[in-house]
C-alpha atoms as a PDB file:
ATOM      1  CA  MET A   1      75.527  83.838 129.179  1.00  0.00           C
ATOM      2  CA  SER A   2      75.003  85.013 125.610  1.00  0.00           C
ATOM      3  CA  ALA A   3      76.400  84.496 122.131  1.00  0.00           C
ATOM      4  CA  ARG A   4      78.768  87.026 120.541  1.00  0.00           C
ATOM      5  CA  TRP A   5      77.322  86.970 117.036  1.00  0.00           C
ATOM      6  CA  SER A   6      75.104  89.815 115.848  1.00  0.00           C
ATOM      7  CA  GLY A   7      74.246  88.258 112.507  1.00  0.00           C
ATOM      8  CA  GLN A   8      76.534  90.608 110.554  1.00  0.00           C
ATOM      9  CA  TRP A   9      78.593  88.330 108.336  1.00  0.00           C
ATOM     10  CA  GLY A  10      82.191  89.247 107.650  1.00  0.00           C
ATOM     11  CA  ARG A  11      82.693  91.381 110.746  1.00  0.00           C
ATOM     12  CA  PRO A  12      85.911  90.452 112.595  1.00  0.00           C
ATOM     13  CA  LEU A  13      85.078  88.264 115.586  1.00  0.00           C
ATOM     14  CA  GLU A  14      85.983  89.374 119.070  1.00  0.00           C
ATOM     15  CA  ARG A  15      88.114  87.104 121.161  1.00  0.00           C
ATOM     16  CA  ARG A  16      86.252  85.980 124.248  1.00  0.00           C
ATOM     17  CA  PRO A  17      86.942  83.947 127.378  1.00  0.00           C
ATOM     18  CA  ALA A  18      86.350  80.209 127.265  1.00  0.00           C
ATOM     19  CA  ALA A  19      82.652  79.361 127.324  1.00  0.00           C
ATOM     20  CA  PRO A  20      81.094  77.913 130.502  1.00  0.00           C
ATOM     21  CA  VAL A  21      79.592  75.018 128.514  1.00  0.00           C
ATOM     22  CA  GLN A  22      81.138  72.654 125.993  1.00  0.00           C
ATOM     23  CA  VAL A  23      78.809  70.603 123.817  1.00  0.00           C
ATOM     24  CA  LEU A  24      80.313  67.164 123.189  1.00  0.00           C
ATOM     25  CA  VAL A  25      78.977  65.443 120.070  1.00  0.00           C
ATOM     26  CA  PRO A  26      79.994  61.864 119.220  1.00  0.00           C
ATOM     27  CA  THR A  27      79.152  61.075 115.599  1.00  0.00           C
ATOM     28  CA  CYS A  28      79.533  58.286 113.054  1.00  0.00           C
ATOM     29  CA  ASP A  29      78.277  58.260 109.442  1.00  0.00           C
ATOM     30  CA  ARG A  30      75.323  60.593 110.044  1.00  0.00           C
ATOM     31  CA  THR A  31      75.925  63.712 107.980  1.00  0.00           C
ATOM     32  CA  ALA A  32      72.280  64.756 107.500  1.00  0.00           C
ATOM     33  CA  GLU A  33      71.432  64.132 111.137  1.00  0.00           C
ATOM     34  CA  LEU A  34      74.586  65.865 112.383  1.00  0.00           C
ATOM     35  CA  ALA A  35      73.811  68.931 110.252  1.00  0.00           C
ATOM     36  CA  THR A  36      70.359  69.056 111.829  1.00  0.00           C
ATOM     37  CA  THR A  37      71.843  68.713 115.308  1.00  0.00           C
ATOM     38  CA  LEU A  38      74.277  71.551 114.636  1.00  0.00           C
ATOM     39  CA  SER A  39      71.487  73.738 113.256  1.00  0.00           C
ATOM     40  CA  GLY A  40      69.700  73.298 116.570  1.00  0.00           C
ATOM     41  CA  LEU A  41      72.839  74.398 118.393  1.00  0.00           C
ATOM     42  CA  ALA A  42      73.170  77.439 116.139  1.00  0.00           C
ATOM     43  CA  ALA A  43      69.684  78.477 117.284  1.00  0.00           C
ATOM     44  CA  GLN A  44      70.795  78.584 120.953  1.00  0.00           C
ATOM     45  CA  THR A  45      71.640  82.266 120.601  1.00  0.00           C
ATOM     46  CA  GLU A  46      71.135  83.119 124.292  1.00  0.00           C
ATOM     47  CA  ALA A  47      73.658  80.550 125.474  1.00  0.00           C
ATOM     48  CA  ASP A  48      77.446  80.797 125.616  1.00  0.00           C
ATOM     49  CA  PHE A  49      79.004  77.501 124.582  1.00  0.00           C
ATOM     50  CA  ASP A  50      81.661  75.874 122.447  1.00  0.00           C
ATOM     51  CA  VAL A  51      81.403  72.632 120.484  1.00  0.00           C
ATOM     52  CA  LEU A  52      83.628  69.572 120.267  1.00  0.00           C
ATOM     53  CA  ILE A  53      82.793  66.925 117.654  1.00  0.00           C
ATOM     54  CA  SER A  54      84.441  63.501 117.657  1.00  0.00           C
ATOM     55  CA  ASP A  55      83.864  61.701 114.371  1.00  0.00           C
ATOM     56  CA  GLN A  56      84.307  57.960 113.824  1.00  0.00           C
ATOM     57  CA  GLY A  57      82.691  57.702 110.411  1.00  0.00           C
ATOM     58  CA  SER A  58      84.075  56.286 107.210  1.00  0.00           C
ATOM     59  CA  GLU A  59      85.043  59.828 106.195  1.00  0.00           C
ATOM     60  CA  PRO A  60      84.931  63.150 108.054  1.00  0.00           C
ATOM     61  CA  ALA A  61      81.365  64.381 108.458  1.00  0.00           C
ATOM     62  CA  TRP A  62      82.484  67.989 107.967  1.00  0.00           C
ATOM     63  CA  ASN A  63      83.329  67.203 104.342  1.00  0.00           C
ATOM     64  CA  ALA A  64      79.565  67.191 103.705  1.00  0.00           C
ATOM     65  CA  PRO A  65      78.319  70.637 102.608  1.00  0.00           C
ATOM     66  CA  ALA A  66      75.470  70.844 105.141  1.00  0.00           C
ATOM     67  CA  VAL A  67      77.721  69.981 108.083  1.00  0.00           C
ATOM     68  CA  ARG A  68      80.448  72.317 106.845  1.00  0.00           C
ATOM     69  CA  ALA A  69      77.904  75.139 106.549  1.00  0.00           C
ATOM     70  CA  MET A  70      76.595  74.646 110.102  1.00  0.00           C
ATOM     71  CA  VAL A  71      80.142  74.549 111.479  1.00  0.00           C
ATOM     72  CA  GLY A  72      80.671  77.854 109.661  1.00  0.00           C
ATOM     73  CA  VAL A  73      77.552  79.374 111.238  1.00  0.00           C
ATOM     74  CA  LEU A  74      78.634  78.363 114.737  1.00  0.00           C
ATOM     75  CA  ARG A  75      82.101  79.792 114.183  1.00  0.00           C
ATOM     76  CA  ALA A  76      80.612  82.987 112.785  1.00  0.00           C
ATOM     77  CA  GLN A  77      78.729  83.291 116.061  1.00  0.00           C
ATOM     78  CA  GLY A  78      82.092  83.430 117.796  1.00  0.00           C
ATOM     79  CA  ARG A  79      82.047  79.878 119.096  1.00  0.00           C
ATOM     80  CA  GLU A  80      84.997  77.528 119.078  1.00  0.00           C
ATOM     81  CA  VAL A  81      84.135  74.403 117.098  1.00  0.00           C
ATOM     82  CA  ARG A  82      86.766  71.701 117.419  1.00  0.00           C
ATOM     83  CA  LEU A  83      86.678  68.833 114.913  1.00  0.00           C
ATOM     84  CA  GLU A  84      88.381  65.592 115.865  1.00  0.00           C
ATOM     85  CA  ARG A  85      88.793  62.312 113.996  1.00  0.00           C
ATOM     86  CA  HIS A  86      88.927  59.526 116.580  1.00  0.00           C
ATOM     87  CA  LEU A  87      89.680  56.044 115.266  1.00  0.00           C
ATOM     88  CA  PRO A  88      89.582  53.093 115.598  1.00  0.00           C
ATOM     89  CA  ARG A  89      86.130  52.629 117.046  1.00  0.00           C
ATOM     90  CA  ARG A  90      86.241  51.038 120.490  1.00  0.00           C
ATOM     91  CA  GLY A  91      82.634  51.612 121.474  1.00  0.00           C
ATOM     92  CA  LEU A  92      80.571  54.551 122.655  1.00  0.00           C
ATOM     93  CA  ALA A  93      81.925  54.534 126.198  1.00  0.00           C
ATOM     94  CA  GLU A  94      85.462  55.060 124.893  1.00  0.00           C
ATOM     95  CA  GLN A  95      84.217  57.693 122.450  1.00  0.00           C
ATOM     96  CA  ARG A  96      82.523  59.578 125.297  1.00  0.00           C
ATOM     97  CA  GLU A  97      85.618  59.303 127.483  1.00  0.00           C
ATOM     98  CA  PHE A  98      87.740  60.663 124.649  1.00  0.00           C
ATOM     99  CA  LEU A  99      85.462  63.703 124.436  1.00  0.00           C
ATOM    100  CA  LEU A 100      85.552  64.176 128.188  1.00  0.00           C
ATOM    101  CA  SER A 101      89.347  63.931 128.232  1.00  0.00           C
ATOM    102  CA  MET A 102      89.533  67.016 125.986  1.00  0.00           C
ATOM    103  CA  ALA A 103      86.857  69.046 127.742  1.00  0.00           C
ATOM    104  CA  SER A 104      87.734  71.864 130.115  1.00  0.00           C
ATOM    105  CA  ALA A 105      84.505  73.848 130.638  1.00  0.00           C
ATOM    106  CA  PRO A 106      82.714  73.684 134.001  1.00  0.00           C
ATOM    107  CA  GLU A 107      79.699  72.096 132.294  1.00  0.00           C
ATOM    108  CA  VAL A 108      79.584  69.573 129.451  1.00  0.00           C
ATOM    109  CA  LEU A 109      76.531  68.700 127.395  1.00  0.00           C
ATOM    110  CA  TYR A 110      76.609  65.254 125.812  1.00  0.00           C
ATOM    111  CA  LEU A 111      74.423  65.662 122.736  1.00  0.00           C
ATOM    112  CA  ASP A 112      73.817  62.740 120.395  1.00  0.00           C
ATOM    113  CA  ASP A 113      74.189  63.365 116.672  1.00  0.00           C
ATOM    114  CA  ASP A 114      70.486  62.733 115.998  1.00  0.00           C
ATOM    115  CA  VAL A 115      68.922  65.285 118.356  1.00  0.00           C
ATOM    116  CA  TRP A 116      67.522  68.723 117.498  1.00  0.00           C
ATOM    117  CA  LEU A 117      67.209  71.293 120.287  1.00  0.00           C
ATOM    118  CA  GLU A 118      64.505  73.936 120.217  1.00  0.00           C
ATOM    119  CA  PRO A 119      65.688  77.532 120.757  1.00  0.00           C
ATOM    120  CA  GLY A 120      66.363  78.320 124.414  1.00  0.00           C
ATOM    121  CA  MET A 121      66.824  74.693 125.452  1.00  0.00           C
ATOM    122  CA  LEU A 122      70.522  74.907 126.297  1.00  0.00           C
ATOM    123  CA  MET A 123      69.986  78.006 128.431  1.00  0.00           C
ATOM    124  CA  ARG A 124      67.211  76.251 130.367  1.00  0.00           C
ATOM    125  CA  LEU A 125      69.474  73.269 130.994  1.00  0.00           C
ATOM    126  CA  HIS A 126      72.298  75.544 132.146  1.00  0.00           C
ATOM    127  CA  ARG A 127      70.081  77.479 134.535  1.00  0.00           C
ATOM    128  CA  ALA A 128      68.469  74.312 135.866  1.00  0.00           C
ATOM    129  CA  LEU A 129      71.841  72.680 136.567  1.00  0.00           C
ATOM    130  CA  GLU A 130      73.153  75.775 138.335  1.00  0.00           C
ATOM    131  CA  SER A 131      70.058  76.313 140.462  1.00  0.00           C
ATOM    132  CA  SER A 132      69.498  72.649 141.351  1.00  0.00           C
ATOM    133  CA  GLY A 133      72.991  71.816 142.577  1.00  0.00           C
ATOM    134  CA  ALA A 134      72.642  68.409 140.884  1.00  0.00           C
ATOM    135  CA  GLY A 135      75.389  66.475 139.146  1.00  0.00           C
ATOM    136  CA  PHE A 136      73.427  66.425 135.892  1.00  0.00           C
ATOM    137  CA  VAL A 137      70.202  67.627 134.315  1.00  0.00           C
ATOM    138  CA  GLY A 138      68.950  65.950 131.164  1.00  0.00           C
ATOM    139  CA  ALA A 139      66.372  66.691 128.484  1.00  0.00           C
ATOM    140  CA  ALA A 140      64.915  63.377 127.347  1.00  0.00           C
ATOM    141  CA  VAL A 141      64.648  63.125 123.572  1.00  0.00           C
ATOM    142  CA  GLN A 142      61.099  62.863 122.241  1.00  0.00           C
ATOM    143  CA  GLY A 143      59.886  60.950 119.193  1.00  0.00           C
ATOM    144  CA  LEU A 144      57.280  63.274 117.735  1.00  0.00           C
ATOM    145  CA  SER A 145      55.937  60.610 115.385  1.00  0.00           C
ATOM    146  CA  TYR A 146      54.310  59.214 118.554  1.00  0.00           C
ATOM    147  CA  LEU A 147      52.291  62.329 119.427  1.00  0.00           C
ATOM    148  CA  ASP A 148      49.012  60.430 119.000  1.00  0.00           C
ATOM    149  CA  ASP A 149      50.289  57.447 121.013  1.00  0.00           C
ATOM    150  CA  ARG A 150      49.385  58.121 124.653  1.00  0.00           C
ATOM    151  CA  ARG A 151      50.759  55.596 127.139  1.00  0.00           C
ATOM    152  CA  PRO A 152      49.419  56.414 130.616  1.00  0.00           C
ATOM    153  CA  HIS A 153      50.587  53.029 131.917  1.00  0.00           C
ATOM    154  CA  GLU A 154      54.188  54.140 131.257  1.00  0.00           C
ATOM    155  CA  THR A 155      53.912  57.476 133.053  1.00  0.00           C
ATOM    156  CA  VAL A 156      52.607  56.361 136.448  1.00  0.00           C
ATOM    157  CA  MET A 157      56.148  56.655 137.860  1.00  0.00           C
ATOM    158  CA  PHE A 158      56.389  60.355 137.026  1.00  0.00           C
ATOM    159  CA  GLU A 159      57.328  62.388 140.114  1.00  0.00           C
ATOM    160  CA  LEU A 160      58.486  65.987 140.312  1.00  0.00           C
ATOM    161  CA  TRP A 161      61.280  67.094 142.592  1.00  0.00           C
ATOM    162  CA  ASP A 162      59.648  69.425 145.105  1.00  0.00           C
ATOM    163  CA  GLU A 163      63.024  70.373 146.523  1.00  0.00           C
ATOM    164  CA  ARG A 164      66.511  70.184 145.060  1.00  0.00           C
ATOM    165  CA  PRO A 165      67.469  66.743 143.732  1.00  0.00           C
ATOM    166  CA  VAL A 166      69.222  64.572 146.308  1.00  0.00           C
ATOM    167  CA  PRO A 167      71.558  61.620 145.745  1.00  0.00           C
ATOM    168  CA  GLU A 168      69.762  58.415 144.784  1.00  0.00           C
ATOM    169  CA  ALA A 169      70.989  54.891 144.161  1.00  0.00           C
ATOM    170  CA  VAL A 170      68.800  53.741 141.259  1.00  0.00           C
ATOM    171  CA  ARG A 171      69.521  50.125 140.438  1.00  0.00           C
ATOM    172  CA  PRO A 172      67.868  47.420 138.309  1.00  0.00           C
ATOM    173  CA  GLY A 173      65.036  45.938 140.334  1.00  0.00           C
ATOM    174  CA  SER A 174      64.430  49.086 142.362  1.00  0.00           C
ATOM    175  CA  ALA A 175      61.210  51.058 142.006  1.00  0.00           C
ATOM    176  CA  GLY A 176      63.102  54.030 140.615  1.00  0.00           C
ATOM    177  CA  PHE A 177      64.505  51.949 137.796  1.00  0.00           C
ATOM    178  CA  GLU A 178      61.046  51.724 136.214  1.00  0.00           C
ATOM    179  CA  ARG A 179      61.219  55.461 135.516  1.00  0.00           C
ATOM    180  CA  PHE A 180      63.040  54.635 132.275  1.00  0.00           C
ATOM    181  CA  ARG A 181      59.597  54.146 130.673  1.00  0.00           C
ATOM    182  CA  LEU A 182      58.879  57.856 131.096  1.00  0.00           C
ATOM    183  CA  HIS A 183      61.087  58.583 128.090  1.00  0.00           C
ATOM    184  CA  ASN A 184      59.506  56.163 125.639  1.00  0.00           C
ATOM    185  CA  ALA A 185      57.750  57.492 122.526  1.00  0.00           C
ATOM    186  CA  ALA A 186      56.341  61.002 123.247  1.00  0.00           C
ATOM    187  CA  ASN A 187      55.477  60.377 126.901  1.00  0.00           C
ATOM    188  CA  LEU A 188      57.216  63.504 128.150  1.00  0.00           C
ATOM    189  CA  VAL A 189      55.318  65.704 125.684  1.00  0.00           C
ATOM    190  CA  HIS A 190      52.048  64.353 127.044  1.00  0.00           C
ATOM    191  CA  LEU A 191      53.169  64.815 130.652  1.00  0.00           C
ATOM    192  CA  ALA A 192      54.263  68.390 129.982  1.00  0.00           C
ATOM    193  CA  SER A 193      50.888  69.245 128.443  1.00  0.00           C
ATOM    194  CA  ASP A 194      49.214  68.336 131.751  1.00  0.00           C
ATOM    195  CA  LEU A 195      51.455  70.621 133.833  1.00  0.00           C
ATOM    196  CA  ASP A 196      50.946  74.321 134.364  1.00  0.00           C
ATOM    197  CA  ILE A 197      54.447  75.472 133.418  1.00  0.00           C
ATOM    198  CA  PRO A 198      54.807  79.038 132.073  1.00  0.00           C
ATOM    199  CA  GLU A 199      56.534  79.605 128.735  1.00  0.00           C
ATOM    200  CA  GLY A 200      60.291  79.473 129.215  1.00  0.00           C
ATOM    201  CA  GLY A 201      59.934  77.782 132.595  1.00  0.00           C
ATOM    202  CA  TRP A 202      60.728  74.252 133.672  1.00  0.00           C
ATOM    203  CA  ARG A 203      60.359  71.703 136.437  1.00  0.00           C
ATOM    204  CA  LEU A 204      62.732  68.953 137.464  1.00  0.00           C
ATOM    205  CA  TYR A 205      61.595  65.362 137.873  1.00  0.00           C
ATOM    206  CA  LYS A 206      63.035  62.060 139.075  1.00  0.00           C
ATOM    207  CA  VAL A 207      64.693  59.812 136.501  1.00  0.00           C
ATOM    208  CA  ALA A 208      66.386  56.462 136.100  1.00  0.00           C
ATOM    209  CA  TRP A 209      68.583  57.956 133.386  1.00  0.00           C
ATOM    210  CA  VAL A 210      68.244  60.305 130.415  1.00  0.00           C
ATOM    211  CA  GLY A 211      69.362  59.486 126.890  1.00  0.00           C
ATOM    212  CA  GLY A 212      70.654  61.737 124.135  1.00  0.00           C
ATOM    213  CA  CYS A 213      70.933  65.158 125.804  1.00  0.00           C
ATOM    214  CA  VAL A 214      72.493  65.459 129.267  1.00  0.00           C
ATOM    215  CA  LEU A 215      74.270  68.421 130.850  1.00  0.00           C
ATOM    216  CA  PHE A 216      76.839  67.424 133.493  1.00  0.00           C
ATOM    217  CA  ASP A 217      78.826  69.292 136.055  1.00  0.00           C
ATOM    218  CA  ARG A 218      82.145  68.217 134.533  1.00  0.00           C
ATOM    219  CA  GLU A 219      84.126  67.960 137.768  1.00  0.00           C
ATOM    220  CA  ARG A 220      81.447  65.798 139.332  1.00  0.00           C
ATOM    221  CA  LEU A 221      81.325  63.501 136.325  1.00  0.00           C
ATOM    222  CA  VAL A 222      85.110  63.173 136.413  1.00  0.00           C
ATOM    223  CA  SER A 223      85.067  62.531 140.169  1.00  0.00           C
ATOM    224  CA  VAL A 224      83.065  59.318 139.703  1.00  0.00           C
ATOM    225  CA  GLY A 225      85.264  58.105 136.849  1.00  0.00           C
ATOM    226  CA  GLY A 226      83.490  59.570 133.838  1.00  0.00           C
ATOM    227  CA  PHE A 227      83.422  56.886 131.149  1.00  0.00           C
ATOM    228  CA  SER A 228      86.829  55.484 132.095  1.00  0.00           C
ATOM    229  CA  PHE A 229      85.183  52.100 132.592  1.00  0.00           C
ATOM    230  CA  TRP A 230      85.264  51.599 128.819  1.00  0.00           C
ATOM    231  CA  PRO A 231      88.006  48.894 128.899  1.00  0.00           C
ATOM    232  CA  LEU A 232      85.544  46.658 130.777  1.00  0.00           C
ATOM    233  CA  LEU A 233      83.215  46.630 127.766  1.00  0.00           C
ATOM    234  CA  PRO A 234      83.368  45.065 124.303  1.00  0.00           C
ATOM    235  CA  PRO A 235      83.184  47.584 121.446  1.00  0.00           C
ATOM    236  CA  ALA A 236      79.556  46.592 120.790  1.00  0.00           C
ATOM    237  CA  HIS A 237      77.617  47.706 123.848  1.00  0.00           C
ATOM    238  CA  ALA A 238      74.784  49.941 125.001  1.00  0.00           C
ATOM    239  CA  GLY A 239      73.842  51.737 128.191  1.00  0.00           C
ATOM    240  CA  GLU A 240      77.190  53.377 128.923  1.00  0.00           C
ATOM    241  CA  ASP A 241      75.444  56.708 129.484  1.00  0.00           C
ATOM    242  CA  ALA A 242      73.099  55.110 132.020  1.00  0.00           C
ATOM    243  CA  VAL A 243      76.081  53.789 133.989  1.00  0.00           C
ATOM    244  CA  ALA A 244      77.794  57.180 134.152  1.00  0.00           C
ATOM    245  CA  GLN A 245      74.553  58.853 135.179  1.00  0.00           C
ATOM    246  CA  ALA A 246      73.882  56.236 137.877  1.00  0.00           C
ATOM    247  CA  ARG A 247      77.284  56.955 139.379  1.00  0.00           C
ATOM    248  CA  VAL A 248      76.777  60.728 139.306  1.00  0.00           C
ATOM    249  CA  MET A 249      73.246  60.407 140.663  1.00  0.00           C
ATOM    250  CA  ALA A 250      74.358  58.228 143.576  1.00  0.00           C
ATOM    251  CA  ALA A 251      76.970  60.785 144.595  1.00  0.00           C
ATOM    252  CA  TYR A 252      75.356  64.134 143.738  1.00  0.00           C
ATOM    253  CA  GLY A 253      71.818  63.649 142.473  1.00  0.00           C
ATOM    254  CA  GLY A 254      70.423  64.060 138.982  1.00  0.00           C
ATOM    255  CA  ALA A 255      67.189  65.098 137.302  1.00  0.00           C
ATOM    256  CA  GLY A 256      65.230  65.362 134.101  1.00  0.00           C
ATOM    257  CA  LEU A 257      63.902  68.675 132.825  1.00  0.00           C
ATOM    258  CA  ILE A 258      60.299  69.120 131.690  1.00  0.00           C
ATOM    259  CA  PRO A 259      59.203  70.339 129.210  1.00  0.00           C
ATOM    260  CA  SER A 260      61.940  68.898 127.055  1.00  0.00           C
ATOM    261  CA  GLY A 261      62.830  70.712 123.863  1.00  0.00           C
ATOM    262  CA  ALA A 262      65.005  67.843 122.630  1.00  0.00           C
ATOM    263  CA  VAL A 263      63.597  66.123 119.540  1.00  0.00           C
ATOM    264  CA  HIS A 264      64.807  62.705 118.456  1.00  0.00           C
ATOM    265  CA  LEU A 265      65.297  62.507 114.692  1.00  0.00           C
ATOM    266  CA  GLU A 266      64.328  58.818 114.844  1.00  0.00           C
ATOM    267  CA  ALA A 267      67.138  57.785 112.520  1.00  0.00           C
ATOM    268  CA  PRO A 268      68.305  54.146 112.475  1.00  0.00           C
ATOM    269  CA  THR A 269      70.828  53.390 115.200  1.00  0.00           C
ATOM    270  CA  THR A 270      74.523  53.257 114.349  1.00  0.00           C
ATOM    271  CA  VAL A 271      74.982  50.657 117.128  1.00  0.00           C
ATOM    272  CA  PRO A 272      72.809  47.735 115.951  1.00  0.00           C
ATOM    273  CA  ASP A 273      74.436  45.181 118.279  1.00  0.00           C
ATOM    274  CA  ARG A 274      73.036  46.135 121.705  1.00  0.00           C
ATOM    275  CA  GLU A 275      73.121  42.744 123.424  1.00  0.00           C
ATOM    276  CA  THR A 276      75.767  43.834 125.954  1.00  0.00           C
ATOM    277  CA  GLU A 277      74.357  46.182 128.600  1.00  0.00           C
ATOM    278  CA  ALA A 278      77.100  48.210 130.266  1.00  0.00           C
ATOM    279  CA  ARG A 279      75.485  47.920 133.710  1.00  0.00           C
ATOM    280  CA  ASP A 280      75.919  44.128 133.545  1.00  0.00           C
ATOM    281  CA  LEU A 281      79.712  44.506 133.411  1.00  0.00           C
ATOM    282  CA  VAL A 282      80.456  47.810 135.132  1.00  0.00           C
ATOM    283  CA  PRO A 283      80.032  48.474 138.887  1.00  0.00           C
ATOM    284  CA  LEU A 284      77.415  51.152 139.483  1.00  0.00           C
ATOM    285  CA  ASP A 285      78.903  52.160 142.819  1.00  0.00           C
ATOM    286  CA  PRO A 286      81.022  55.300 142.253  1.00  0.00           C
ATOM    287  CA  ALA A 287      83.213  54.214 145.175  1.00  0.00           C
ATOM    288  CA  GLU A 288      84.617  51.452 142.960  1.00  0.00           C
ATOM    289  CA  PRO A 289      87.193  53.242 140.726  1.00  0.00           C
ATOM    290  CA  VAL A 290      88.112  51.909 137.314  1.00  0.00           C
ATOM    291  CA  GLY A 291      90.990  52.839 135.030  1.00  0.00           C
ATOM    292  CA  GLY A 292      90.817  54.263 131.533  1.00  0.00           C
ATOM    293  CA  LEU A 293      92.196  56.977 129.290  1.00  0.00           C
ATOM    294  CA  PRO A 294      94.696  59.392 130.812  1.00  0.00           C
ATOM    295  CA  ARG A 295      93.305  62.929 130.971  1.00  0.00           C
ATOM    296  CA  ARG A 296      94.942  65.724 128.991  1.00  0.00           C
END
């Protein structure tokens, strides 16, 4: 699983088979952050992936020079970068379902437009998903401005998977639900520093959900409905990713990856109205199908 680009600009690019991973990036009015996100993807030189960007901003993000340049770098590496304008805005769940409806790779990485990945991160996620047999593996995004803010009371729920992840039904009120605190601030950085993990290695741990950077087995995500529950939600909502992950985890298992090389840019949210939690309106049982966008 390696990129096709040798760094020699202007050389005709070889045609290659479809990549095993598609990176799905929903974006809206974040040109600087999106350029940073794409620069992180361009540094994943060991991984074979394509990129699909769905933009709902006031004008296309790729009109900005920095974004246009990073799209050019990715294409020069031999990657397919598909740019889609998707309007009107109907909420993040619908935006994620739109991306999924166009995906065809065996694995899809949902990557928020304000996350930078350190080199090698995508390859580690890919290898972890393949070896674990889980439905998803996520790299929790870390706020590095909190490096001096240790919160041991929020990390008491940390538990490694000793074996392969198994299906879990994590619901509000259950003990496992409290794991969401593991991903606050820079908690995962502090946890990783206490583990004896060799450079380039990883461990998997138990999660409630993972925000910002999650690699799914696409067929398994589709089998539990993906984000097709979006018509049940108002456009202003939050937590749609947690619902999809809960459904996948209940059917196939899921895990977080430590250490995480996903850095949150800590930009202001583009979804300020977060009063509606998706899990309050959407059934978390994957056996309860819901309708949504037709698949292409």
